[in-house]
Protein backbone atom coordinates (compact mmCIF):
# COMPACT_ATOMS: atom_id res chain seq x y z
CA UNK A 1 -3.55 -14.55 -18.86
CA UNK A 2 -4.91 -13.97 -15.37
CA UNK A 3 -4.15 -10.94 -13.22
CA UNK A 4 -2.34 -11.77 -9.97
CA UNK A 5 -4.31 -9.64 -7.54
CA UNK A 6 -4.15 -8.72 -3.85
CA UNK A 7 -6.33 -6.72 -1.49
CA UNK A 8 -5.03 -4.31 1.17
CA UNK A 9 -7.45 -3.84 4.05
CA UNK A 10 -9.63 -6.46 5.68
CA UNK A 11 -12.44 -4.26 6.95
CA UNK A 12 -16.13 -3.90 6.13
CA UNK A 13 -15.89 -3.39 2.38
CA UNK A 14 -13.10 -5.85 1.63
CA UNK A 15 -15.44 -8.84 1.46
CA UNK A 16 -17.08 -7.80 -1.79
CA UNK A 17 -13.64 -7.26 -3.33
CA UNK A 18 -12.33 -10.62 -2.14
CA UNK A 19 -15.47 -12.46 -3.26
CA UNK A 20 -15.50 -10.87 -6.70
CA UNK A 21 -11.78 -11.35 -7.31
CA UNK A 22 -11.99 -14.99 -6.26
CA UNK A 23 -14.82 -15.59 -8.78
CA UNK A 24 -13.50 -13.55 -11.70
CA UNK A 25 -11.87 -15.87 -14.28
CA UNK A 26 -9.47 -13.09 -15.27
CA UNK A 27 -8.07 -12.60 -11.75
CA UNK A 28 -6.00 -14.85 -9.51
CA UNK A 29 -6.51 -13.69 -5.94
CA UNK A 30 -3.20 -14.39 -4.20
CA UNK A 31 -2.98 -12.28 -1.01
CA UNK A 32 -4.66 -10.18 1.65
CA UNK A 33 -2.82 -7.54 3.68
CA UNK A 34 -3.98 -6.01 6.95
CA UNK A 35 -2.10 -4.54 9.89
CA UNK A 36 -4.38 -6.63 12.14
CA UNK A 37 -2.47 -9.91 11.83
CA UNK A 38 -5.30 -12.04 13.21
CA UNK A 39 -7.75 -10.56 10.71
CA UNK A 40 -5.32 -11.05 7.83
CA UNK A 41 -4.78 -14.71 8.77
CA UNK A 42 -8.53 -15.33 9.09
CA UNK A 43 -9.24 -13.93 5.61
CA UNK A 44 -6.23 -15.71 4.12
CA UNK A 45 -7.49 -19.03 5.46
CA UNK A 46 -11.03 -18.33 4.20
CA UNK A 47 -9.91 -17.60 0.65
CA UNK A 48 -6.89 -19.88 0.48
CA UNK A 49 -4.44 -17.02 -0.08
CA UNK A 50 -1.31 -15.63 1.58
CA UNK A 51 -1.54 -13.23 4.56
CA UNK A 52 0.61 -10.11 4.79
CA UNK A 53 0.78 -7.43 7.45
CA UNK A 54 2.70 -4.72 5.59
CA UNK A 55 1.77 -3.46 2.12
CA UNK A 56 5.31 -2.48 1.17
CA UNK A 57 6.64 -5.93 2.08
CA UNK A 58 3.86 -7.61 0.12
CA UNK A 59 4.56 -5.53 -2.99
CA UNK A 60 8.27 -6.33 -2.70
CA UNK A 61 7.71 -10.07 -2.36
CA UNK A 62 4.88 -10.69 -4.82
CA UNK A 63 4.74 -10.12 -8.56
CA UNK A 64 1.30 -8.47 -8.73
CA UNK A 65 -0.75 -7.29 -11.69
CA UNK A 66 -3.46 -5.48 -9.70
CA UNK A 67 -3.98 -4.15 -6.19
CA UNK A 68 -7.28 -3.25 -4.51
CA UNK A 69 -7.04 -0.73 -1.66
CA UNK A 70 -9.82 -1.04 0.95
CA UNK A 71 -8.19 0.77 3.86
CA UNK A 72 -9.24 4.01 5.63
CA UNK A 73 -9.18 6.98 3.27
CA UNK A 74 -6.37 8.62 5.23
CA UNK A 75 -4.04 5.82 4.03
CA UNK A 76 -5.10 5.65 0.38
CA UNK A 77 -2.47 8.00 -1.04
CA UNK A 78 0.66 6.48 0.57
CA UNK A 79 -0.40 2.90 -0.20
CA UNK A 80 -1.32 3.79 -3.78
CA UNK A 81 2.07 5.44 -4.27
CA UNK A 82 3.79 2.26 -3.05
CA UNK A 83 1.86 0.27 -5.68
CA UNK A 84 2.64 2.84 -8.38
CA UNK A 85 6.33 2.66 -7.48
CA UNK A 86 6.08 -1.10 -8.03
CA UNK A 87 4.32 -0.59 -11.35
CA UNK A 88 1.10 -2.22 -10.12
CA UNK A 89 -2.30 -0.86 -11.30
CA UNK A 90 -4.57 0.12 -8.42
CA UNK A 91 -8.28 0.19 -7.71
CA UNK A 92 -9.10 2.36 -4.68
CA UNK A 93 -12.29 2.34 -2.65
CA UNK A 94 -14.15 5.63 -2.50
CA UNK A 95 -13.40 8.30 -1.42
CA UNK A 96 -10.25 7.95 -3.50
CA UNK A 97 -8.37 10.45 -1.30
CA UNK A 98 -9.14 12.57 1.72
CA UNK A 99 -8.73 15.92 -0.08
CA UNK A 100 -8.65 17.28 -3.61
CA UNK A 101 -4.99 18.24 -3.19
CA UNK A 102 -4.22 14.60 -2.40
CA UNK A 103 -6.12 13.53 -5.51
CA UNK A 104 -4.02 15.89 -7.61
CA UNK A 105 -0.86 14.42 -6.11
CA UNK A 106 -2.08 10.89 -6.84
CA UNK A 107 -3.13 11.68 -10.41
CA UNK A 108 0.18 13.39 -11.15
CA UNK A 109 2.16 10.51 -9.64
CA UNK A 110 0.24 7.88 -11.60
CA UNK A 111 0.65 9.83 -14.84
CA UNK A 112 4.38 10.35 -14.31
CA UNK A 113 4.90 6.62 -13.71
CA UNK A 114 2.47 5.44 -16.39
CA UNK A 115 0.43 3.32 -13.95
CA UNK A 116 -3.35 2.94 -14.13
CA UNK A 117 -5.39 4.09 -11.12
CA UNK A 118 -9.16 3.76 -10.75
CA UNK A 119 -11.79 4.37 -8.08
CA UNK A 120 -14.65 2.11 -7.07
CA UNK A 121 -17.86 3.71 -8.44
CA UNK A 122 -20.04 0.63 -8.16
CA UNK A 123 -23.50 2.25 -8.32
CA UNK A 124 -22.76 3.46 -11.85
CA UNK A 125 -23.08 -0.20 -12.80
CA UNK A 126 -26.30 -1.05 -10.98
CA UNK A 127 -28.65 -2.82 -13.41
CA UNK A 128 -31.18 0.05 -13.34
CA UNK A 129 -28.50 2.68 -13.98
CA UNK A 130 -27.07 0.67 -16.87
CA UNK A 131 -30.56 0.33 -18.35
CA UNK A 132 -31.25 4.06 -18.04
CA UNK A 133 -27.93 5.01 -19.60
CA UNK A 134 -28.58 2.64 -22.49
CA UNK A 135 -31.87 4.42 -23.17
CA UNK A 136 -30.07 7.76 -23.12
CA UNK A 137 -27.30 6.56 -25.46
CA UNK A 138 -29.89 5.14 -27.86
CA UNK A 139 -31.59 8.54 -28.10
CA UNK A 140 -34.88 7.43 -26.53
CA UNK A 141 -34.98 10.49 -24.25
CA UNK A 142 -34.24 13.11 -26.89
CA UNK A 143 -32.12 16.02 -25.67
CA UNK A 144 -31.52 15.78 -21.93
CA UNK A 145 -32.19 19.07 -20.15
CA UNK A 146 -31.56 18.18 -16.53
CA UNK A 147 -30.60 15.51 -14.00
CA UNK A 148 -31.56 15.40 -10.33
CA UNK A 149 -30.05 12.88 -7.93
CA UNK A 150 -31.83 12.44 -4.59
CA UNK A 151 -29.84 10.41 -2.07
CA UNK A 152 -31.41 10.57 1.37
CA UNK A 153 -31.21 8.21 4.28
CA UNK A 154 -27.42 8.36 4.33
CA UNK A 155 -25.57 7.58 7.54
CA UNK A 156 -25.39 10.21 10.25
CA UNK A 157 -21.91 11.66 10.80
CA UNK A 158 -21.52 9.85 14.13
CA UNK A 159 -22.53 6.39 12.86
CA UNK A 160 -19.46 4.12 13.35
CA UNK A 161 -20.35 1.86 10.41
CA UNK A 162 -16.95 1.82 8.71
CA UNK A 163 -14.80 2.34 11.78
CA UNK A 164 -13.52 5.17 13.98
CA UNK A 165 -11.38 6.61 11.15
CA UNK A 166 -14.55 7.96 9.52
CA UNK A 167 -15.25 10.11 12.55
CA UNK A 168 -12.13 12.13 11.75
CA UNK A 169 -13.68 13.45 8.52
CA UNK A 170 -15.41 16.84 8.48
CA UNK A 171 -18.72 15.14 7.78
CA UNK A 172 -17.90 11.90 9.58
CA UNK A 173 -19.56 8.75 8.29
CA UNK A 174 -21.93 10.93 6.24
CA UNK A 175 -18.99 12.28 4.24
CA UNK A 176 -17.69 8.78 3.48
CA UNK A 177 -20.88 8.03 1.55
CA UNK A 178 -21.03 11.27 -0.45
CA UNK A 179 -19.09 9.96 -3.49
CA UNK A 180 -21.99 7.68 -4.45
CA UNK A 181 -24.57 10.36 -5.35
CA UNK A 182 -21.86 12.67 -6.68
CA UNK A 183 -20.44 10.21 -9.21
CA UNK A 184 -23.96 9.14 -10.18
CA UNK A 185 -24.71 12.76 -11.06
CA UNK A 186 -21.51 13.02 -13.10
CA UNK A 187 -22.22 9.78 -14.95
CA UNK A 188 -25.87 10.44 -15.77
CA UNK A 189 -25.71 14.21 -16.24
CA UNK A 190 -22.15 14.96 -17.35
CA UNK A 191 -19.23 16.94 -15.99
CA UNK A 192 -19.47 20.60 -14.92
CA UNK A 193 -18.76 23.21 -17.59
CA UNK A 194 -16.03 24.58 -15.33
CA UNK A 195 -15.07 24.70 -11.69
CA UNK A 196 -16.83 28.07 -11.45
CA UNK A 197 -20.07 26.44 -12.63
CA UNK A 198 -20.40 24.55 -9.33
CA UNK A 199 -22.22 25.76 -6.24
CA UNK A 200 -22.88 23.93 -2.97
CA UNK A 201 -25.04 24.45 0.10
CA UNK A 202 -24.67 22.49 3.32
CA UNK A 203 -26.59 22.14 6.55
CA UNK A 204 -25.92 20.82 10.05
CA UNK A 205 -29.34 19.75 11.25
CA UNK A 206 -28.53 17.68 14.34
CA UNK A 207 -26.21 18.19 17.28
CA UNK A 208 -23.33 15.78 17.83
CA UNK A 209 -20.78 15.07 20.54
CA UNK A 210 -18.00 15.53 17.97
CA UNK A 211 -17.30 18.65 15.96
CA UNK A 212 -18.81 17.70 12.59
CA UNK A 213 -19.37 20.37 9.93
CA UNK A 214 -22.43 19.09 8.06
CA UNK A 215 -25.02 16.31 7.72
CA UNK A 216 -26.76 17.53 4.58
CA UNK A 217 -25.50 18.85 1.26
CA UNK A 218 -26.78 20.03 -2.10
CA UNK A 219 -24.78 20.56 -5.30
CA UNK A 220 -25.73 22.33 -8.49
CA UNK A 221 -23.85 22.81 -11.75
CA UNK A 222 -24.37 23.09 -15.50
CA UNK A 223 -22.54 21.06 -18.14
CA UNK A 224 -21.07 22.06 -21.50
CA UNK A 225 -24.33 20.82 -23.06
CA UNK A 226 -26.40 23.06 -20.75
CA UNK A 227 -27.67 20.13 -18.70
CA UNK A 228 -28.67 21.44 -15.27
CA UNK A 229 -27.58 18.95 -12.60
CA UNK A 230 -28.47 18.88 -8.90
CA UNK A 231 -27.57 16.48 -6.12
CA UNK A 232 -29.30 16.39 -2.72
CA UNK A 233 -27.76 14.28 0.05
CA UNK A 234 -29.28 13.99 3.52
CA UNK A 235 -28.29 11.96 6.55
CA UNK A 236 -30.61 10.67 9.21
CA UNK A 237 -33.81 10.40 7.12
CA UNK A 238 -35.63 7.47 5.56
CA UNK A 239 -33.87 6.39 2.37
CA UNK A 240 -35.12 7.75 -0.94
CA UNK A 241 -32.54 7.21 -3.67
CA UNK A 242 -33.55 8.21 -7.15
CA UNK A 243 -32.09 9.64 -10.33
CA UNK A 244 -34.44 11.82 -12.41
CA UNK A 245 -33.27 12.29 -16.00
CA UNK A 246 -35.33 14.95 -17.77
CA UNK A 247 -35.45 14.53 -21.56
CA UNK A 248 -37.46 16.41 -24.15
CA UNK A 249 -39.04 13.21 -25.53
CA UNK A 250 -39.02 11.01 -22.44
CA UNK A 251 -37.93 11.38 -18.83
CA UNK A 252 -36.84 8.62 -16.47
CA UNK A 253 -37.02 7.95 -12.76
CA UNK A 254 -34.33 5.48 -11.77
CA UNK A 255 -35.12 4.01 -8.36
CA UNK A 256 -31.86 2.76 -6.87
CA UNK A 257 -33.55 0.95 -3.98
CA UNK A 258 -35.98 -1.11 -6.06
CA UNK A 259 -33.70 -1.18 -9.12
CA UNK A 260 -36.56 -0.14 -11.39
CA UNK A 261 -36.75 2.39 -14.22
CA UNK A 262 -39.98 4.37 -14.71
CA UNK A 263 -40.57 6.06 -18.06
CA UNK A 264 -42.48 9.35 -18.33
CA UNK A 265 -43.26 9.47 -22.04
CA UNK A 266 -46.72 11.08 -22.17
CA UNK A 267 -48.16 14.52 -21.44
CA UNK A 268 -49.88 13.42 -18.26
CA UNK A 269 -51.13 16.87 -17.30
CA UNK A 270 -53.55 17.25 -20.24
CA UNK A 271 -56.63 15.80 -18.54
CA UNK A 272 -57.93 13.83 -15.60
CA UNK A 273 -57.76 10.68 -17.71
CA UNK A 274 -54.10 11.14 -18.59
CA UNK A 275 -53.29 11.97 -14.98
CA UNK A 276 -54.86 8.67 -13.98
CA UNK A 277 -52.90 6.96 -16.77
CA UNK A 278 -49.72 8.27 -15.16
CA UNK A 279 -50.42 6.06 -12.14
CA UNK A 280 -51.11 3.07 -14.37
CA UNK A 281 -47.91 3.55 -16.35
CA UNK A 282 -45.79 3.97 -13.22
CA UNK A 283 -47.36 0.89 -11.60
CA UNK A 284 -46.72 -1.13 -14.76
CA UNK A 285 -43.05 -0.06 -14.92
CA UNK A 286 -42.53 -0.84 -11.26
CA UNK A 287 -44.22 -4.23 -11.61
CA UNK A 288 -42.16 -5.06 -14.67
CA UNK A 289 -38.98 -4.05 -12.87
CA UNK A 290 -39.92 -6.03 -9.77
CA UNK A 291 -40.59 -9.18 -11.82
CA UNK A 292 -37.25 -8.74 -13.56
CA UNK A 293 -35.53 -8.39 -10.17
CA UNK A 294 -37.18 -11.59 -8.87
CA UNK A 295 -35.99 -13.44 -11.94
CA UNK A 296 -32.50 -12.03 -11.43
CA UNK A 297 -32.42 -13.29 -7.85
CA UNK A 298 -33.50 -16.73 -9.08
CA UNK A 299 -30.80 -16.70 -11.78
CA UNK A 300 -28.19 -15.72 -9.22
CA UNK A 301 -29.23 -18.57 -6.93
CA UNK A 302 -28.93 -21.05 -9.79
CA UNK A 303 -25.75 -19.55 -11.21
CA UNK A 304 -23.52 -20.02 -8.15
CA UNK A 305 -20.04 -19.65 -9.70
CA UNK A 306 -21.20 -18.67 -13.21
CA UNK A 307 -19.28 -15.41 -13.55
CA UNK A 308 -21.08 -14.23 -16.70
CA UNK A 309 -24.36 -14.35 -14.78
CA UNK A 310 -23.35 -12.98 -11.39
CA UNK A 311 -21.36 -10.05 -12.82
CA UNK A 312 -24.53 -8.69 -14.47
CA UNK A 313 -26.35 -8.75 -11.13
CA UNK A 314 -23.64 -7.32 -8.88
CA UNK A 315 -22.42 -3.79 -9.60
CA UNK A 316 -19.09 -4.35 -7.81
CA UNK A 317 -18.42 -7.45 -9.88
CA UNK A 318 -19.49 -5.67 -13.08
CA UNK A 319 -16.96 -2.88 -12.59
CA UNK A 320 -14.21 -5.33 -11.62
CA UNK A 321 -14.93 -7.45 -14.68
CA UNK A 322 -14.71 -4.45 -17.01
CA UNK A 323 -11.50 -3.25 -15.37
CA UNK A 324 -9.87 -6.67 -15.48
CA UNK A 325 -10.67 -6.90 -19.20
CA UNK A 326 -9.07 -3.49 -19.81
CA UNK A 327 -5.96 -4.37 -17.79
CA UNK A 328 -5.68 -7.76 -19.48
CA UNK A 329 -5.84 -6.06 -22.88
CA UNK A 330 -3.35 -3.39 -21.82
CA UNK A 331 -5.90 -0.68 -22.68
CA UNK A 332 -6.11 1.94 -19.89
CA UNK A 333 -8.54 3.96 -22.03
CA UNK A 334 -11.11 1.18 -21.64
CA UNK A 335 -11.29 1.49 -17.85
CA UNK A 336 -14.98 1.85 -16.90
CA UNK A 337 -14.28 4.62 -14.36
CA UNK A 338 -11.93 7.18 -15.92
CA UNK A 339 -9.71 9.19 -13.63
CA UNK A 340 -11.49 12.32 -14.90
CA UNK A 341 -14.68 11.11 -13.19
CA UNK A 342 -12.74 10.62 -9.96
CA UNK A 343 -11.20 14.05 -10.38
CA UNK A 344 -14.62 15.72 -10.56
CA UNK A 345 -15.97 13.57 -7.72
CA UNK A 346 -13.07 14.66 -5.51
CA UNK A 347 -13.45 18.28 -6.57
CA UNK A 348 -17.20 18.36 -5.86
CA UNK A 349 -16.64 16.83 -2.44
CA UNK A 350 -14.10 19.57 -1.74
CA UNK A 351 -16.68 22.19 -2.75
CA UNK A 352 -19.10 20.66 -0.25
CA UNK A 353 -16.50 20.67 2.52
CA UNK A 354 -15.61 24.29 1.72
CA UNK A 355 -19.27 25.28 1.89
CA UNK A 356 -19.59 23.62 5.30
CA UNK A 357 -16.43 25.29 6.56
CA UNK A 358 -17.51 28.72 5.35
CA UNK A 359 -20.94 28.34 6.95
CA UNK A 360 -19.17 27.80 10.27
CA UNK A 361 -16.77 30.69 9.77
CA UNK A 362 -13.79 28.46 8.99
CA UNK A 363 -11.34 29.01 6.11
CA UNK A 364 -12.08 27.01 2.98
CA UNK A 365 -9.51 24.63 1.54
CA UNK A 366 -7.47 25.57 -1.51
CA UNK A 367 -8.46 23.94 -4.80
CA UNK A 368 -6.09 23.83 -7.74
CA UNK A 369 -6.58 22.62 -11.29
CA UNK A 370 -5.44 19.03 -11.87
CA UNK A 371 -3.39 19.00 -15.04
CA UNK A 372 -4.53 16.64 -17.74
CA UNK A 373 -7.79 15.65 -16.07
């Protein structure tokens, strides 16, 4: 069985969806939908699929097994509800919805209709993140006490990278990228103990022509297992993107830019010799990771259409492969990004927006508990 799949939205991010779905042996890419008819026809010709200009008409005409939504966030909820009405499982680009209230509406609607909904959390499946999580699951770190995610060098609010629709968000283009470090914190550290366990601080460092609320944010919360988690997100700086996982036996630095994992498994502070050894160990881990990355690039170049190879090297493809397997097996519980992770991602983003609003003397949005999440 292959999953008849279509993509709605032909913008910046749609290419990675179209490429992956066209390569995946478990998916049959059949259509692209975009309100820009010329763009839809161009992509349809490139991939040998049917063009549509209206999502509702496409869902009515085609017998689909999966829909990928790559449109502006303001349209995610209504398009997803159309797919749910048609009984079609949906993968939605991040942010899954514009507000937490919209997420609650989406989650409730999907649950009532028994339709699977997921969100694209591709960085959870980066090779370095997968390697670090394997070490944690295998007990190599001992008890984990804390997780810090540093995600700087994000877009400025007024960067028009994704299109003018991003400029309508409270944090502009900067806000569109916030889900990445937030879901990485949730995946590597765990979920907050409660909504009350979450605090956020925001900053507006630069001045902009538009009325943006923030261009920097920091989150902090504690999990049920007393893991202290922090997330720092800054726009307009040089990129430093790391996950620090602090274990009692071993700690890890996961470098998202170089895709390397550095182990801290000695007491480096004991003497000058061990402090020097710290540099040696870090250099060795980075060299080992770099060599592995070079080999991966070479394997990818040789693999071409070998799905089992390319999916391991592309985080988007990896998530899509895992989701297509779960859908093919009819096992929603096997989806690699559970809706609970999306729920917390949406909630934490709302906490950030509320913090920014309050710092500017604006009323904060209302957050309500999402049943069953």
